[in-house]
Amino acid sequence: MANPSHWSSQLPSANSRKPAVMIVHDAWHVPDHYEDFTDRLEAAGFEVYCPLLPTMDADDLAHITMGLDDDVRVIRDFLVSLVIPETHGQPAELPTGDDLFMVVPQTAASVLQTCNDVIMLLHGYGGAVGTEAVRGLSKTECLRLGLPVGGVIHLIYMCAFMLQPAECVGDASSPVPLGHPILKHSDTGATSVRQPADDFLYGDLPPERAEEMGRLLVSQAPYAMSETITHPAWQHIPTTYIKTYRDRFVLPQWQQRMITAVQGAGVDIMVEHLEYSSHSPFLSHSERVVQVVERAASRVWPWLLHGVGTNDVGPNGTGTNGVDTNDVDMNGGT
């Protein structure tokens, strides 16, 4: 079990503000689902962003051919605008490979007002999107380039798909139990959630609130769930997994299998246990989830203080820079 003293909060973030929080929403969801939770985070002092993923609203034929890569592109472009400072009044270009951050910074003081450290809060399918989108944008990778930019400092998987390379959401969500509420439209192949969705997504909400959330659900383009990721971001960025024990959508056994696979790869992550939560803890246990975000914002890991080389053990890895898993019971106790 990790001792909290293994972390330090002495190193400032990219600027004096709290980190920004980027919510990557679940499949069949839209940003409106997260509006109240966003208000809670903003009341706690965070800037919050929740871009709409383009594979949603597949009833619009313009969206029907979109897939995981399209969702990743939207999140990555938005993330770059937060992390990389503007140069000469124009957003920095984002090439790939070794030229990723070949930008001309302004004065340090000006740059520090335009960049952000970012916590990624990933829900359900959003775990696959966010994992792939942060490639090259971790805080350590940014610092290694010697530029006073922001960076992704923490990943929070909220009952989300924390995938291995070459794995897709469909792989991680099997076997699918009888009665699982995903419907496939015969004409377009798009998917949607069978109504009423209360028991599967919002089982611990008051009926009126669950019905309200259910009405906001949309369809999703058919290809996103079968496309694989390539980048194990959890291997390079401090990670927390929020496990929801009464989840009938991303089943607890699926969640545990993903946690075990990451740990089996030699990576130590934080695991927060919500024993009484269904699939939407940002609605039913919002204060607890805000606490998880606050803890992620307040901790700076040793690898960030001292720097990690490209081939060194990562922040969640084993070895001298490793940190033991710290299981936290969000219902009391450790």
C-alpha atoms as a PDB file:
ATOM      1  CA  MET A   1       0.000   0.000   0.000  1.00  0.00           C
ATOM      2  CA  ALA A   2       1.374   3.398  -0.873  1.00  0.00           C
ATOM      3  CA  ASN A   3       2.038   5.984   1.755  1.00  0.00           C
ATOM      4  CA  PRO A   4       0.711   9.447   0.830  1.00  0.00           C
ATOM      5  CA  SER A   5       4.122  10.819   1.763  1.00  0.00           C
ATOM      6  CA  HIS A   6       5.414   9.185  -1.413  1.00  0.00           C
ATOM      7  CA  TRP A   7       3.797  12.096  -3.208  1.00  0.00           C
ATOM      8  CA  SER A   8       4.735  15.747  -2.986  1.00  0.00           C
ATOM      9  CA  SER A   9       2.653  18.835  -3.563  1.00  0.00           C
ATOM     10  CA  GLN A  10       5.630  21.194  -3.489  1.00  0.00           C
ATOM     11  CA  LEU A  11       6.078  21.500  -7.233  1.00  0.00           C
ATOM     12  CA  PRO A  12       3.743  24.084  -8.745  1.00  0.00           C
ATOM     13  CA  SER A  13       1.630  23.308 -11.779  1.00  0.00           C
ATOM     14  CA  ALA A  14       2.193  25.060 -15.094  1.00  0.00           C
ATOM     15  CA  ASN A  15       0.739  28.159 -13.515  1.00  0.00           C
ATOM     16  CA  SER A  16      -0.874  29.226 -10.265  1.00  0.00           C
ATOM     17  CA  ARG A  17      -4.288  27.894 -11.261  1.00  0.00           C
ATOM     18  CA  LYS A  18      -5.610  24.473 -10.506  1.00  0.00           C
ATOM     19  CA  PRO A  19      -5.234  21.971 -13.337  1.00  0.00           C
ATOM     20  CA  ALA A  20      -7.896  21.957 -15.992  1.00  0.00           C
ATOM     21  CA  VAL A  21     -10.170  18.919 -16.091  1.00  0.00           C
ATOM     22  CA  MET A  22     -11.119  17.395 -19.425  1.00  0.00           C
ATOM     23  CA  ILE A  23     -14.086  15.044 -19.248  1.00  0.00           C
ATOM     24  CA  VAL A  24     -14.201  12.516 -22.068  1.00  0.00           C
ATOM     25  CA  HIS A  25     -17.787  11.364 -22.041  1.00  0.00           C
ATOM     26  CA  ASP A  26     -19.171   7.862 -22.441  1.00  0.00           C
ATOM     27  CA  ALA A  27     -20.744   6.340 -25.518  1.00  0.00           C
ATOM     28  CA  TRP A  28     -24.359   7.359 -26.146  1.00  0.00           C
ATOM     29  CA  HIS A  29     -23.840  10.320 -23.815  1.00  0.00           C
ATOM     30  CA  VAL A  30     -23.477  14.028 -24.556  1.00  0.00           C
ATOM     31  CA  PRO A  31     -21.917  16.879 -22.556  1.00  0.00           C
ATOM     32  CA  ASP A  32     -25.334  17.791 -21.113  1.00  0.00           C
ATOM     33  CA  HIS A  33     -25.195  14.622 -19.009  1.00  0.00           C
ATOM     34  CA  TYR A  34     -22.186  16.090 -17.178  1.00  0.00           C
ATOM     35  CA  GLU A  35     -23.473  19.643 -16.752  1.00  0.00           C
ATOM     36  CA  ASP A  36     -24.282  19.437 -13.036  1.00  0.00           C
ATOM     37  CA  PHE A  37     -21.036  17.636 -12.299  1.00  0.00           C
ATOM     38  CA  THR A  38     -19.127  20.244 -14.283  1.00  0.00           C
ATOM     39  CA  ASP A  39     -20.729  22.903 -12.069  1.00  0.00           C
ATOM     40  CA  ARG A  40     -19.440  21.070  -8.985  1.00  0.00           C
ATOM     41  CA  LEU A  41     -15.918  20.927 -10.335  1.00  0.00           C
ATOM     42  CA  GLU A  42     -16.019  24.587 -11.307  1.00  0.00           C
ATOM     43  CA  ALA A  43     -17.237  25.467  -7.812  1.00  0.00           C
ATOM     44  CA  ALA A  44     -14.136  23.658  -6.530  1.00  0.00           C
ATOM     45  CA  GLY A  45     -11.949  25.933  -8.666  1.00  0.00           C
ATOM     46  CA  PHE A  46     -11.327  23.812 -11.755  1.00  0.00           C
ATOM     47  CA  GLU A  47     -11.702  24.838 -15.368  1.00  0.00           C
ATOM     48  CA  VAL A  48     -13.700  22.039 -16.989  1.00  0.00           C
ATOM     49  CA  TYR A  49     -14.075  21.006 -20.626  1.00  0.00           C
ATOM     50  CA  CYS A  50     -16.248  18.287 -22.128  1.00  0.00           C
ATOM     51  CA  PRO A  51     -16.141  18.259 -25.939  1.00  0.00           C
ATOM     52  CA  LEU A  52     -18.821  16.356 -27.846  1.00  0.00           C
ATOM     53  CA  LEU A  53     -17.462  13.204 -29.486  1.00  0.00           C
ATOM     54  CA  PRO A  54     -18.409  13.089 -33.180  1.00  0.00           C
ATOM     55  CA  THR A  55     -19.411   9.410 -33.210  1.00  0.00           C
ATOM     56  CA  MET A  56     -22.480  10.382 -31.209  1.00  0.00           C
ATOM     57  CA  ASP A  57     -25.803  11.291 -32.798  1.00  0.00           C
ATOM     58  CA  ALA A  58     -25.368   8.670 -35.485  1.00  0.00           C
ATOM     59  CA  ASP A  59     -28.910   9.374 -36.668  1.00  0.00           C
ATOM     60  CA  ASP A  60     -27.177  12.164 -38.564  1.00  0.00           C
ATOM     61  CA  LEU A  61     -25.775  10.314 -41.594  1.00  0.00           C
ATOM     62  CA  ALA A  62     -22.760  12.615 -41.588  1.00  0.00           C
ATOM     63  CA  HIS A  63     -21.669  10.858 -38.381  1.00  0.00           C
ATOM     64  CA  ILE A  64     -22.418   7.261 -39.304  1.00  0.00           C
ATOM     65  CA  THR A  65     -19.002   6.482 -40.822  1.00  0.00           C
ATOM     66  CA  MET A  66     -17.006   8.040 -37.985  1.00  0.00           C
ATOM     67  CA  GLY A  67     -14.991   5.944 -35.577  1.00  0.00           C
ATOM     68  CA  LEU A  68     -12.628   5.959 -32.646  1.00  0.00           C
ATOM     69  CA  ASP A  69      -9.961   7.905 -34.557  1.00  0.00           C
ATOM     70  CA  ASP A  70     -12.419  10.745 -35.167  1.00  0.00           C
ATOM     71  CA  ASP A  71     -13.230  10.947 -31.467  1.00  0.00           C
ATOM     72  CA  VAL A  72      -9.523  10.833 -30.596  1.00  0.00           C
ATOM     73  CA  ARG A  73      -8.792  13.669 -33.020  1.00  0.00           C
ATOM     74  CA  VAL A  74     -11.373  15.965 -31.425  1.00  0.00           C
ATOM     75  CA  ILE A  75     -10.065  15.336 -27.901  1.00  0.00           C
ATOM     76  CA  ARG A  76      -6.430  15.608 -28.952  1.00  0.00           C
ATOM     77  CA  ASP A  77      -6.928  18.873 -30.803  1.00  0.00           C
ATOM     78  CA  PHE A  78      -8.752  20.329 -27.798  1.00  0.00           C
ATOM     79  CA  LEU A  79      -6.088  19.027 -25.432  1.00  0.00           C
ATOM     80  CA  VAL A  80      -3.274  20.544 -27.492  1.00  0.00           C
ATOM     81  CA  SER A  81      -4.978  23.934 -27.279  1.00  0.00           C
ATOM     82  CA  LEU A  82      -4.876  23.659 -23.481  1.00  0.00           C
ATOM     83  CA  VAL A  83      -1.382  22.236 -23.069  1.00  0.00           C
ATOM     84  CA  ILE A  84       0.736  24.022 -25.673  1.00  0.00           C
ATOM     85  CA  PRO A  85       1.105  27.796 -25.395  1.00  0.00           C
ATOM     86  CA  GLU A  86       0.198  30.126 -28.212  1.00  0.00           C
ATOM     87  CA  THR A  87       3.054  31.558 -30.249  1.00  0.00           C
ATOM     88  CA  HIS A  88       2.810  35.017 -31.700  1.00  0.00           C
ATOM     89  CA  GLY A  89      -0.929  34.996 -31.185  1.00  0.00           C
ATOM     90  CA  GLN A  90      -1.430  31.775 -33.153  1.00  0.00           C
ATOM     91  CA  PRO A  91      -1.969  28.265 -31.710  1.00  0.00           C
ATOM     92  CA  ALA A  92       1.134  26.139 -31.933  1.00  0.00           C
ATOM     93  CA  GLU A  93       1.174  23.576 -34.701  1.00  0.00           C
ATOM     94  CA  LEU A  94       1.164  19.960 -33.566  1.00  0.00           C
ATOM     95  CA  PRO A  95       3.382  17.844 -35.833  1.00  0.00           C
ATOM     96  CA  THR A  96       4.022  14.200 -35.016  1.00  0.00           C
ATOM     97  CA  GLY A  97       7.117  12.334 -33.905  1.00  0.00           C
ATOM     98  CA  ASP A  98      10.254  14.207 -32.912  1.00  0.00           C
ATOM     99  CA  ASP A  99       8.845  17.533 -34.133  1.00  0.00           C
ATOM    100  CA  LEU A 100       5.912  17.368 -31.720  1.00  0.00           C
ATOM    101  CA  PHE A 101       6.749  20.510 -29.788  1.00  0.00           C
ATOM    102  CA  MET A 102       8.959  22.481 -32.167  1.00  0.00           C
ATOM    103  CA  VAL A 103       7.356  25.769 -31.263  1.00  0.00           C
ATOM    104  CA  VAL A 104       8.795  29.184 -30.480  1.00  0.00           C
ATOM    105  CA  PRO A 105       7.690  30.091 -26.952  1.00  0.00           C
ATOM    106  CA  GLN A 106       6.794  33.582 -25.860  1.00  0.00           C
ATOM    107  CA  THR A 107       8.301  34.934 -22.660  1.00  0.00           C
ATOM    108  CA  ALA A 108       7.965  32.440 -19.826  1.00  0.00           C
ATOM    109  CA  ALA A 109       5.525  34.628 -17.911  1.00  0.00           C
ATOM    110  CA  SER A 110       3.245  34.944 -20.906  1.00  0.00           C
ATOM    111  CA  VAL A 111       3.451  31.242 -21.708  1.00  0.00           C
ATOM    112  CA  LEU A 112       2.539  30.240 -18.170  1.00  0.00           C
ATOM    113  CA  GLN A 113      -0.698  32.163 -18.465  1.00  0.00           C
ATOM    114  CA  THR A 114      -1.764  30.327 -21.614  1.00  0.00           C
ATOM    115  CA  CYS A 115      -0.927  26.698 -20.859  1.00  0.00           C
ATOM    116  CA  ASN A 116      -2.558  24.237 -18.520  1.00  0.00           C
ATOM    117  CA  ASP A 117      -1.798  21.111 -16.623  1.00  0.00           C
ATOM    118  CA  VAL A 118      -4.684  18.760 -17.322  1.00  0.00           C
ATOM    119  CA  ILE A 119      -6.426  15.938 -15.490  1.00  0.00           C
ATOM    120  CA  MET A 120      -8.256  13.589 -17.843  1.00  0.00           C
ATOM    121  CA  LEU A 121     -11.528  12.254 -16.412  1.00  0.00           C
ATOM    122  CA  LEU A 122     -12.563   9.368 -18.639  1.00  0.00           C
ATOM    123  CA  HIS A 123     -16.007   7.746 -18.454  1.00  0.00           C
ATOM    124  CA  GLY A 124     -16.840   4.374 -20.011  1.00  0.00           C
ATOM    125  CA  TYR A 125     -15.978   4.392 -23.720  1.00  0.00           C
ATOM    126  CA  GLY A 126     -14.220   7.711 -23.089  1.00  0.00           C
ATOM    127  CA  GLY A 127     -11.427   5.659 -21.527  1.00  0.00           C
ATOM    128  CA  ALA A 128     -10.440   4.311 -24.942  1.00  0.00           C
ATOM    129  CA  VAL A 129     -10.619   7.771 -26.521  1.00  0.00           C
ATOM    130  CA  GLY A 130      -8.649   9.540 -23.803  1.00  0.00           C
ATOM    131  CA  THR A 131      -5.993   6.831 -23.570  1.00  0.00           C
ATOM    132  CA  GLU A 132      -5.190   7.233 -27.252  1.00  0.00           C
ATOM    133  CA  ALA A 133      -5.546  11.025 -27.366  1.00  0.00           C
ATOM    134  CA  VAL A 134      -2.845  11.907 -24.817  1.00  0.00           C
ATOM    135  CA  ARG A 135       0.089  10.389 -26.715  1.00  0.00           C
ATOM    136  CA  GLY A 136       3.094  12.686 -26.338  1.00  0.00           C
ATOM    137  CA  LEU A 137       1.209  15.135 -24.110  1.00  0.00           C
ATOM    138  CA  SER A 138       2.119  13.915 -20.633  1.00  0.00           C
ATOM    139  CA  LYS A 139       3.714  16.425 -18.291  1.00  0.00           C
ATOM    140  CA  THR A 140       7.019  14.549 -18.270  1.00  0.00           C
ATOM    141  CA  GLU A 141       7.200  14.477 -22.054  1.00  0.00           C
ATOM    142  CA  CYS A 142       6.508  18.198 -22.164  1.00  0.00           C
ATOM    143  CA  LEU A 143       9.111  18.986 -19.478  1.00  0.00           C
ATOM    144  CA  ARG A 144      11.682  16.823 -21.201  1.00  0.00           C
ATOM    145  CA  LEU A 145      11.539  19.170 -24.163  1.00  0.00           C
ATOM    146  CA  GLY A 146      12.594  22.059 -21.956  1.00  0.00           C
ATOM    147  CA  LEU A 147       9.580  24.220 -22.745  1.00  0.00           C
ATOM    148  CA  PRO A 148       7.432  25.885 -20.081  1.00  0.00           C
ATOM    149  CA  VAL A 149       4.251  24.207 -21.261  1.00  0.00           C
ATOM    150  CA  GLY A 150       1.481  22.332 -19.495  1.00  0.00           C
ATOM    151  CA  GLY A 151       0.801  18.641 -19.812  1.00  0.00           C
ATOM    152  CA  VAL A 152      -1.428  15.786 -18.768  1.00  0.00           C
ATOM    153  CA  ILE A 153      -0.660  15.049 -15.123  1.00  0.00           C
ATOM    154  CA  HIS A 154      -3.237  12.391 -14.240  1.00  0.00           C
ATOM    155  CA  LEU A 155      -5.670   9.944 -15.822  1.00  0.00           C
ATOM    156  CA  ILE A 156      -8.859   9.072 -13.948  1.00  0.00           C
ATOM    157  CA  TYR A 157     -10.748   6.120 -15.393  1.00  0.00           C
ATOM    158  CA  MET A 158     -14.301   6.377 -14.060  1.00  0.00           C
ATOM    159  CA  CYS A 159     -15.691   2.858 -14.644  1.00  0.00           C
ATOM    160  CA  ALA A 160     -13.968   3.318 -17.994  1.00  0.00           C
ATOM    161  CA  PHE A 161     -12.251   1.150 -20.575  1.00  0.00           C
ATOM    162  CA  MET A 162      -8.572   1.093 -19.607  1.00  0.00           C
ATOM    163  CA  LEU A 163      -7.398  -0.871 -22.623  1.00  0.00           C
ATOM    164  CA  GLN A 164      -4.216  -2.663 -23.586  1.00  0.00           C
ATOM    165  CA  PRO A 165      -2.530  -1.882 -26.928  1.00  0.00           C
ATOM    166  CA  ALA A 166      -4.311  -3.638 -29.828  1.00  0.00           C
ATOM    167  CA  GLU A 167      -7.445  -4.025 -27.690  1.00  0.00           C
ATOM    168  CA  CYS A 168     -10.839  -2.491 -28.436  1.00  0.00           C
ATOM    169  CA  VAL A 169     -13.876  -1.776 -26.274  1.00  0.00           C
ATOM    170  CA  GLY A 170     -15.616  -4.787 -27.769  1.00  0.00           C
ATOM    171  CA  ASP A 171     -12.772  -7.047 -26.628  1.00  0.00           C
ATOM    172  CA  ALA A 172     -12.899  -5.696 -23.080  1.00  0.00           C
ATOM    173  CA  SER A 173     -16.680  -5.921 -22.748  1.00  0.00           C
ATOM    174  CA  SER A 174     -17.119  -9.640 -23.077  1.00  0.00           C
ATOM    175  CA  PRO A 175     -18.777 -11.903 -22.407  1.00  0.00           C
ATOM    176  CA  VAL A 176     -21.863  -9.710 -22.747  1.00  0.00           C
ATOM    177  CA  PRO A 177     -24.575 -10.951 -20.375  1.00  0.00           C
ATOM    178  CA  LEU A 178     -28.073 -11.754 -21.520  1.00  0.00           C
ATOM    179  CA  GLY A 179     -30.228  -8.643 -21.336  1.00  0.00           C
ATOM    180  CA  HIS A 180     -27.422  -6.103 -21.769  1.00  0.00           C
ATOM    181  CA  PRO A 181     -29.187  -3.002 -23.077  1.00  0.00           C
ATOM    182  CA  ILE A 182     -27.266  -2.185 -26.281  1.00  0.00           C
ATOM    183  CA  LEU A 183     -29.381  -2.266 -29.430  1.00  0.00           C
ATOM    184  CA  LYS A 184     -28.045  -2.336 -32.993  1.00  0.00           C
ATOM    185  CA  HIS A 185     -30.056  -0.545 -35.658  1.00  0.00           C
ATOM    186  CA  SER A 186     -30.606  -2.870 -38.617  1.00  0.00           C
ATOM    187  CA  ASP A 187     -30.608  -0.106 -41.226  1.00  0.00           C
ATOM    188  CA  THR A 188     -27.394   1.759 -40.313  1.00  0.00           C
ATOM    189  CA  GLY A 189     -25.584  -0.453 -37.807  1.00  0.00           C
ATOM    190  CA  ALA A 190     -25.609   2.397 -35.296  1.00  0.00           C
ATOM    191  CA  THR A 191     -26.063   1.439 -31.649  1.00  0.00           C
ATOM    192  CA  SER A 192     -28.174   2.876 -28.876  1.00  0.00           C
ATOM    193  CA  VAL A 193     -29.252   2.091 -25.318  1.00  0.00           C
ATOM    194  CA  ARG A 194     -32.550   0.329 -24.855  1.00  0.00           C
ATOM    195  CA  GLN A 195     -35.033   2.401 -22.895  1.00  0.00           C
ATOM    196  CA  PRO A 196     -35.693   2.743 -20.097  1.00  0.00           C
ATOM    197  CA  ALA A 197     -31.998   2.934 -19.234  1.00  0.00           C
ATOM    198  CA  ASP A 198     -32.549   3.525 -15.519  1.00  0.00           C
ATOM    199  CA  ASP A 199     -31.414   0.161 -14.179  1.00  0.00           C
ATOM    200  CA  PHE A 200     -28.317  -0.047 -16.368  1.00  0.00           C
ATOM    201  CA  LEU A 201     -26.924   3.476 -16.299  1.00  0.00           C
ATOM    202  CA  TYR A 202     -28.655   5.312 -13.476  1.00  0.00           C
ATOM    203  CA  GLY A 203     -29.804   2.634 -11.055  1.00  0.00           C
ATOM    204  CA  ASP A 204     -28.871   4.627  -7.949  1.00  0.00           C
ATOM    205  CA  LEU A 205     -30.576   7.872  -9.003  1.00  0.00           C
ATOM    206  CA  PRO A 206     -34.113   8.974  -8.111  1.00  0.00           C
ATOM    207  CA  PRO A 207     -36.522   7.775 -10.844  1.00  0.00           C
ATOM    208  CA  GLU A 208     -37.271  11.278 -12.132  1.00  0.00           C
ATOM    209  CA  ARG A 209     -33.592  12.113 -12.438  1.00  0.00           C
ATOM    210  CA  ALA A 210     -32.816   8.787 -14.120  1.00  0.00           C
ATOM    211  CA  GLU A 211     -35.588   9.358 -16.628  1.00  0.00           C
ATOM    212  CA  GLU A 212     -34.262  12.844 -17.366  1.00  0.00           C
ATOM    213  CA  MET A 213     -30.790  11.475 -18.049  1.00  0.00           C
ATOM    214  CA  GLY A 214     -32.196   8.686 -20.195  1.00  0.00           C
ATOM    215  CA  ARG A 215     -33.922  11.172 -22.472  1.00  0.00           C
ATOM    216  CA  LEU A 216     -30.556  12.761 -23.284  1.00  0.00           C
ATOM    217  CA  LEU A 217     -29.018   9.555 -24.658  1.00  0.00           C
ATOM    218  CA  VAL A 218     -28.167   9.430 -28.370  1.00  0.00           C
ATOM    219  CA  SER A 219     -27.075   6.783 -30.851  1.00  0.00           C
ATOM    220  CA  GLN A 220     -23.438   6.050 -31.696  1.00  0.00           C
ATOM    221  CA  ALA A 221     -21.738   5.207 -35.000  1.00  0.00           C
ATOM    222  CA  PRO A 222     -21.085   1.464 -35.350  1.00  0.00           C
ATOM    223  CA  TYR A 223     -17.309   1.315 -35.808  1.00  0.00           C
ATOM    224  CA  ALA A 224     -15.992   2.962 -32.654  1.00  0.00           C
ATOM    225  CA  MET A 225     -16.326  -0.066 -30.387  1.00  0.00           C
ATOM    226  CA  SER A 226     -14.339  -2.352 -32.682  1.00  0.00           C
ATOM    227  CA  GLU A 227     -11.356  -0.084 -33.340  1.00  0.00           C
ATOM    228  CA  THR A 228      -8.239  -0.696 -31.283  1.00  0.00           C
ATOM    229  CA  ILE A 229      -5.937   1.614 -29.371  1.00  0.00           C
ATOM    230  CA  THR A 230      -2.166   1.733 -29.809  1.00  0.00           C
ATOM    231  CA  HIS A 231      -0.895   3.784 -26.867  1.00  0.00           C
ATOM    232  CA  PRO A 232      -0.899   2.596 -23.226  1.00  0.00           C
ATOM    233  CA  ALA A 233      -1.076   6.059 -21.646  1.00  0.00           C
ATOM    234  CA  TRP A 234      -1.587   4.538 -18.194  1.00  0.00           C
ATOM    235  CA  GLN A 235       1.989   3.274 -18.410  1.00  0.00           C
ATOM    236  CA  HIS A 236       3.388   6.808 -18.580  1.00  0.00           C
ATOM    237  CA  ILE A 237       0.959   8.994 -16.622  1.00  0.00           C
ATOM    238  CA  PRO A 238      -0.199   8.629 -12.986  1.00  0.00           C
ATOM    239  CA  THR A 239      -3.499   6.816 -13.054  1.00  0.00           C
ATOM    240  CA  THR A 240      -6.523   6.295 -10.822  1.00  0.00           C
ATOM    241  CA  TYR A 241      -9.312   3.813 -11.507  1.00  0.00           C
ATOM    242  CA  ILE A 242     -12.749   4.383  -9.969  1.00  0.00           C
ATOM    243  CA  LYS A 243     -14.350   0.956  -9.685  1.00  0.00           C
ATOM    244  CA  THR A 244     -18.153   0.892  -9.460  1.00  0.00           C
ATOM    245  CA  TYR A 245     -19.471  -2.278  -7.856  1.00  0.00           C
ATOM    246  CA  ARG A 246     -23.141  -1.960  -8.796  1.00  0.00           C
ATOM    247  CA  ASP A 247     -22.444  -1.137 -12.418  1.00  0.00           C
ATOM    248  CA  ARG A 248     -24.670  -3.084 -14.815  1.00  0.00           C
ATOM    249  CA  PHE A 249     -23.200  -1.405 -17.870  1.00  0.00           C
ATOM    250  CA  VAL A 250     -19.422  -1.731 -17.570  1.00  0.00           C
ATOM    251  CA  LEU A 251     -19.625  -4.753 -15.328  1.00  0.00           C
ATOM    252  CA  PRO A 252     -17.429  -4.917 -12.200  1.00  0.00           C
ATOM    253  CA  GLN A 253     -15.768  -8.091 -13.502  1.00  0.00           C
ATOM    254  CA  TRP A 254     -14.807  -6.276 -16.709  1.00  0.00           C
ATOM    255  CA  GLN A 255     -13.387  -3.413 -14.651  1.00  0.00           C
ATOM    256  CA  GLN A 256     -11.390  -5.763 -12.439  1.00  0.00           C
ATOM    257  CA  ARG A 257     -10.035  -7.620 -15.457  1.00  0.00           C
ATOM    258  CA  MET A 258      -8.709  -4.330 -16.891  1.00  0.00           C
ATOM    259  CA  ILE A 259      -7.213  -3.322 -13.533  1.00  0.00           C
ATOM    260  CA  THR A 260      -5.549  -6.725 -13.192  1.00  0.00           C
ATOM    261  CA  ALA A 261      -4.178  -6.552 -16.751  1.00  0.00           C
ATOM    262  CA  VAL A 262      -2.572  -3.162 -16.104  1.00  0.00           C
ATOM    263  CA  GLN A 263      -1.120  -4.356 -12.809  1.00  0.00           C
ATOM    264  CA  GLY A 264       0.079  -7.498 -14.577  1.00  0.00           C
ATOM    265  CA  ALA A 265       2.008  -5.262 -16.965  1.00  0.00           C
ATOM    266  CA  GLY A 266       4.011  -4.041 -13.966  1.00  0.00           C
ATOM    267  CA  VAL A 267       2.085  -0.801 -13.493  1.00  0.00           C
ATOM    268  CA  ASP A 268       0.864   0.412 -10.114  1.00  0.00           C
ATOM    269  CA  ILE A 269      -2.298   2.491 -10.146  1.00  0.00           C
ATOM    270  CA  MET A 270      -4.604   3.951  -7.549  1.00  0.00           C
ATOM    271  CA  VAL A 271      -7.934   2.132  -7.209  1.00  0.00           C
ATOM    272  CA  GLU A 272     -10.884   3.937  -5.668  1.00  0.00           C
ATOM    273  CA  HIS A 273     -13.784   1.700  -4.615  1.00  0.00           C
ATOM    274  CA  LEU A 274     -17.378   2.886  -4.944  1.00  0.00           C
ATOM    275  CA  GLU A 275     -19.238  -0.104  -3.602  1.00  0.00           C
ATOM    276  CA  TYR A 276     -22.713   1.364  -3.961  1.00  0.00           C
ATOM    277  CA  SER A 277     -22.401   3.138  -7.295  1.00  0.00           C
ATOM    278  CA  SER A 278     -23.913   2.266 -10.636  1.00  0.00           C
ATOM    279  CA  HIS A 279     -22.352   3.406 -13.924  1.00  0.00           C
ATOM    280  CA  SER A 280     -22.812   7.144 -13.315  1.00  0.00           C
ATOM    281  CA  PRO A 281     -20.970   8.078 -10.107  1.00  0.00           C
ATOM    282  CA  PHE A 282     -20.556  11.637 -11.389  1.00  0.00           C
ATOM    283  CA  LEU A 283     -24.315  11.932 -10.794  1.00  0.00           C
ATOM    284  CA  SER A 284     -24.969   9.699  -7.795  1.00  0.00           C
ATOM    285  CA  HIS A 285     -21.659  10.127  -5.938  1.00  0.00           C
ATOM    286  CA  SER A 286     -20.512  13.444  -7.343  1.00  0.00           C
ATOM    287  CA  GLU A 287     -18.881  14.683  -4.131  1.00  0.00           C
ATOM    288  CA  ARG A 288     -16.765  11.542  -3.949  1.00  0.00           C
ATOM    289  CA  VAL A 289     -15.660  11.911  -7.554  1.00  0.00           C
ATOM    290  CA  VAL A 290     -14.750  15.559  -6.945  1.00  0.00           C
ATOM    291  CA  GLN A 291     -12.601  14.336  -4.046  1.00  0.00           C
ATOM    292  CA  VAL A 292     -10.779  11.975  -6.404  1.00  0.00           C
ATOM    293  CA  VAL A 293     -10.098  14.864  -8.780  1.00  0.00           C
ATOM    294  CA  GLU A 294      -8.898  17.040  -5.884  1.00  0.00           C
ATOM    295  CA  ARG A 295      -6.469  14.347  -4.783  1.00  0.00           C
ATOM    296  CA  ALA A 296      -5.141  13.964  -8.313  1.00  0.00           C
ATOM    297  CA  ALA A 297      -4.638  17.725  -8.529  1.00  0.00           C
ATOM    298  CA  SER A 298      -2.769  17.948  -5.231  1.00  0.00           C
ATOM    299  CA  ARG A 299      -0.269  15.168  -5.813  1.00  0.00           C
ATOM    300  CA  VAL A 300       2.972  15.520  -7.707  1.00  0.00           C
ATOM    301  CA  TRP A 301       4.718  12.204  -8.077  1.00  0.00           C
ATOM    302  CA  PRO A 302       8.487  11.737  -7.546  1.00  0.00           C
ATOM    303  CA  TRP A 303       9.113  11.097 -11.253  1.00  0.00           C
ATOM    304  CA  LEU A 304       7.727  14.572 -11.994  1.00  0.00           C
ATOM    305  CA  LEU A 305      10.013  16.208  -9.444  1.00  0.00           C
ATOM    306  CA  HIS A 306      13.139  14.515 -10.769  1.00  0.00           C
ATOM    307  CA  GLY A 307      12.273  13.866 -14.397  1.00  0.00           C
ATOM    308  CA  VAL A 308      12.101  10.561 -16.228  1.00  0.00           C
ATOM    309  CA  GLY A 309      14.016   9.691 -19.340  1.00  0.00           C
ATOM    310  CA  THR A 310      12.282   8.269 -22.365  1.00  0.00           C
ATOM    311  CA  ASN A 311      13.410   4.729 -21.564  1.00  0.00           C
ATOM    312  CA  ASP A 312      13.163   5.010 -17.788  1.00  0.00           C
ATOM    313  CA  VAL A 313      10.517   3.323 -15.723  1.00  0.00           C
ATOM    314  CA  GLY A 314       7.358   5.372 -15.976  1.00  0.00           C
ATOM    315  CA  PRO A 315       5.409   7.005 -13.162  1.00  0.00           C
ATOM    316  CA  ASN A 316       3.144   3.986 -12.758  1.00  0.00           C
ATOM    317  CA  GLY A 317       5.864   1.439 -13.396  1.00  0.00           C
ATOM    318  CA  THR A 318       7.950  -0.704 -11.111  1.00  0.00           C
ATOM    319  CA  GLY A 319      11.498  -0.028  -9.967  1.00  0.00           C
ATOM    320  CA  THR A 320      13.036   2.934  -8.183  1.00  0.00           C
ATOM    321  CA  ASN A 321      10.475   5.362  -9.530  1.00  0.00           C
ATOM    322  CA  GLY A 322       7.504   3.082  -8.959  1.00  0.00           C
ATOM    323  CA  VAL A 323       4.700   3.782  -6.510  1.00  0.00           C
ATOM    324  CA  ASP A 324       2.723   0.983  -4.930  1.00  0.00           C
ATOM    325  CA  THR A 325      -0.967   0.691  -5.639  1.00  0.00           C
ATOM    326  CA  ASN A 326      -3.036   2.467  -2.998  1.00  0.00           C
ATOM    327  CA  ASP A 327      -6.521   0.990  -2.785  1.00  0.00           C
ATOM    328  CA  VAL A 328      -8.922   3.540  -1.360  1.00  0.00           C
ATOM    329  CA  ASP A 329     -12.394   2.600  -0.160  1.00  0.00           C
ATOM    330  CA  MET A 330     -14.589   5.555  -1.096  1.00  0.00           C
ATOM    331  CA  ASN A 331     -17.247   4.307   1.295  1.00  0.00           C
ATOM    332  CA  GLY A 332     -14.969   4.653   4.289  1.00  0.00           C
ATOM    333  CA  GLY A 333     -11.697   3.077   5.342  1.00  0.00           C
ATOM    334  CA  THR A 334      -8.686   1.933   3.329  1.00  0.00           C
END
